[in-house]
Amino acid sequence: MTAPLATSVVHRDQTPVLFLRAEDEVEKFAPLWATLEGLVGLRGRRFFGAFYVDAHEYRVCVQAQDGDDAEALGLEVGVLPGGSYLRGRLRGEAPAIYERIAPTFQALGSLATVDPSRPGIEFYRAHGEIDCLLPIVGADDVRLD
């Protein structure tokens, strides 16, 4: 049995990223994680997954750093939008933690008004810890229990 989902409202600044894109289907984007990690390395990097519901697109992202050469790496350049997000923090071991991401976003969506103009974001904080960040219209209407 999993613990109840702890939620909070957070405000994020926009984040410049380098990314690879695929259709929002696990079998299409999952292999891109190893590709991105192989290109930029893991040490000192912040990784994100961003899904765009209307476009049915998923982006495997790494926060851009000074000296990154996106063109040489074969990566696209973009920005993860800032703003208010409803956060659900997951803790656990792979692969079970990954299987909890989609249900967590579904649960978060029942608690607030979603902003469809921004992507949902998975922030891979540390080994075994993922923040699921759902873009919300306003923090005033969030139902935190």
Protein backbone atom coordinates (compact mmCIF):
# COMPACT_ATOMS: atom_id res chain seq x y z
CA MET A 1 0.00 0.00 0.00
CA THR A 2 1.34 3.46 -0.87
CA ALA A 3 1.29 6.40 1.49
CA PRO A 4 -1.21 9.22 0.92
CA LEU A 5 0.04 11.81 -1.55
CA ALA A 6 1.53 14.86 0.16
CA THR A 7 0.80 17.96 -1.90
CA SER A 8 1.79 21.60 -1.83
CA VAL A 9 1.66 24.62 -4.10
CA VAL A 10 5.02 25.82 -5.37
CA HIS A 11 6.10 28.67 -7.62
CA ARG A 12 8.84 27.90 -10.11
CA ASP A 13 10.94 30.25 -12.17
CA GLN A 14 11.31 29.40 -15.84
CA THR A 15 14.11 26.94 -16.47
CA PRO A 16 16.26 26.91 -19.63
CA VAL A 17 16.69 23.34 -20.87
CA LEU A 18 18.19 21.18 -23.58
CA PHE A 19 15.91 18.35 -24.68
CA LEU A 20 14.94 15.46 -26.89
CA ARG A 21 11.30 15.02 -27.89
CA ALA A 22 9.05 12.07 -28.63
CA GLU A 23 5.39 11.14 -28.66
CA ASP A 24 3.94 10.96 -25.15
CA GLU A 25 4.10 7.17 -25.04
CA VAL A 26 6.46 5.46 -22.61
CA GLU A 27 7.89 3.06 -25.17
CA LYS A 28 8.83 6.02 -27.38
CA PHE A 29 10.33 8.41 -24.81
CA ALA A 30 11.82 6.02 -22.24
CA PRO A 31 14.90 5.16 -24.37
CA LEU A 32 15.67 8.89 -24.74
CA TRP A 33 16.61 9.14 -21.05
CA ALA A 34 19.71 6.98 -21.55
CA THR A 35 20.57 8.92 -24.71
CA LEU A 36 20.37 12.30 -22.95
CA GLU A 37 22.29 11.08 -19.90
CA GLY A 38 25.00 9.68 -22.18
CA LEU A 39 25.32 13.02 -24.00
CA VAL A 40 25.54 15.34 -20.97
CA GLY A 41 26.48 13.05 -18.06
CA LEU A 42 24.74 12.83 -14.70
CA ARG A 43 27.08 14.70 -12.37
CA GLY A 44 25.82 18.14 -11.38
CA ARG A 45 22.81 17.97 -13.72
CA ARG A 46 19.08 18.49 -13.11
CA PHE A 47 16.75 16.37 -15.20
CA PHE A 48 13.10 16.93 -16.06
CA GLY A 49 10.39 15.24 -18.04
CA ALA A 50 7.83 17.59 -19.58
CA PHE A 51 4.59 16.42 -21.14
CA TYR A 52 2.39 18.53 -23.38
CA VAL A 53 -1.08 16.98 -23.29
CA ASP A 54 -2.61 18.76 -26.29
CA ALA A 55 0.42 18.08 -28.51
CA HIS A 56 0.75 14.47 -27.22
CA GLU A 57 4.46 15.22 -26.78
CA TYR A 58 7.01 14.34 -24.11
CA ARG A 59 10.37 16.06 -23.68
CA VAL A 60 13.33 14.51 -21.90
CA CYS A 61 15.12 17.59 -20.52
CA VAL A 62 18.27 18.65 -18.74
CA GLN A 63 18.76 22.12 -17.25
CA ALA A 64 21.08 24.10 -19.50
CA GLN A 65 24.48 25.08 -18.13
CA ASP A 66 27.10 27.57 -19.30
CA GLY A 67 29.22 25.93 -21.95
CA ASP A 68 26.55 23.54 -23.22
CA ASP A 69 26.58 23.31 -27.00
CA ALA A 70 23.11 22.08 -27.90
CA GLU A 71 23.86 21.90 -31.62
CA ALA A 72 27.00 19.82 -31.14
CA LEU A 73 25.09 17.49 -28.81
CA GLY A 74 22.15 17.19 -31.21
CA LEU A 75 19.72 18.64 -28.68
CA GLU A 76 16.98 21.23 -28.94
CA VAL A 77 16.89 24.33 -26.73
CA GLY A 78 13.80 25.40 -24.82
CA VAL A 79 12.35 26.67 -21.57
CA LEU A 80 10.20 25.03 -18.94
CA PRO A 81 7.68 27.73 -18.02
CA GLY A 82 7.58 29.19 -14.56
CA GLY A 83 4.45 29.83 -12.53
CA SER A 84 2.32 28.09 -9.95
CA TYR A 85 2.35 24.31 -9.79
CA LEU A 86 0.67 21.77 -7.57
CA ARG A 87 3.42 19.42 -6.38
CA GLY A 88 3.14 15.79 -5.39
CA ARG A 89 6.43 14.28 -4.22
CA LEU A 90 7.11 10.62 -4.89
CA ARG A 91 9.69 8.52 -3.08
CA GLY A 92 10.65 4.97 -3.90
CA GLU A 93 12.79 2.71 -6.02
CA ALA A 94 12.75 2.15 -9.76
CA PRO A 95 10.85 0.85 -11.60
CA ALA A 96 7.92 1.07 -9.17
CA ILE A 97 8.31 4.83 -8.66
CA TYR A 98 7.94 5.43 -12.42
CA GLU A 99 4.68 3.52 -12.48
CA ARG A 100 3.27 5.97 -9.91
CA ILE A 101 3.90 9.12 -12.00
CA ALA A 102 0.79 9.06 -14.24
CA PRO A 103 -1.61 8.20 -11.37
CA THR A 104 -0.07 11.00 -9.30
CA PHE A 105 -0.74 13.55 -12.03
CA GLN A 106 -4.32 12.27 -12.31
CA ALA A 107 -4.79 12.69 -8.56
CA LEU A 108 -3.31 16.20 -8.63
CA GLY A 109 -5.66 17.13 -11.50
CA SER A 110 -8.65 16.46 -9.25
CA LEU A 111 -7.44 19.03 -6.72
CA ALA A 112 -7.01 22.17 -8.84
CA THR A 113 -7.77 23.92 -12.11
CA VAL A 114 -5.09 22.85 -14.59
CA ASP A 115 -3.38 25.43 -16.81
CA PRO A 116 -3.35 23.71 -20.22
CA SER A 117 -0.96 26.29 -21.69
CA ARG A 118 1.97 24.84 -19.70
CA PRO A 119 3.38 21.32 -19.53
CA GLY A 120 3.22 18.96 -16.61
CA ILE A 121 6.75 18.53 -15.27
CA GLU A 122 8.55 15.64 -13.62
CA PHE A 123 11.53 16.93 -11.66
CA TYR A 124 14.00 14.17 -10.87
CA ARG A 125 15.32 15.60 -7.59
CA ALA A 126 17.50 12.70 -6.51
CA HIS A 127 17.73 8.93 -6.75
CA GLY A 128 14.33 7.70 -5.62
CA GLU A 129 12.68 11.13 -5.42
CA ILE A 130 10.52 12.74 -8.11
CA ASP A 131 8.39 15.89 -7.90
CA CYS A 132 5.27 15.72 -10.07
CA LEU A 133 4.46 19.35 -10.92
CA LEU A 134 1.01 20.09 -12.36
CA PRO A 135 0.61 23.61 -13.79
CA ILE A 136 -2.34 25.32 -12.13
CA VAL A 137 -4.33 28.44 -12.96
CA GLY A 138 -4.26 29.83 -9.43
CA ALA A 139 -3.26 28.73 -5.98
CA ASP A 140 -6.49 30.01 -4.38
CA ASP A 141 -8.72 27.22 -5.64
CA VAL A 142 -6.45 24.29 -4.71
CA ARG A 143 -8.06 21.71 -2.43
CA LEU A 144 -5.30 20.49 -0.12
CA ASP A 145 -6.44 17.95 2.46
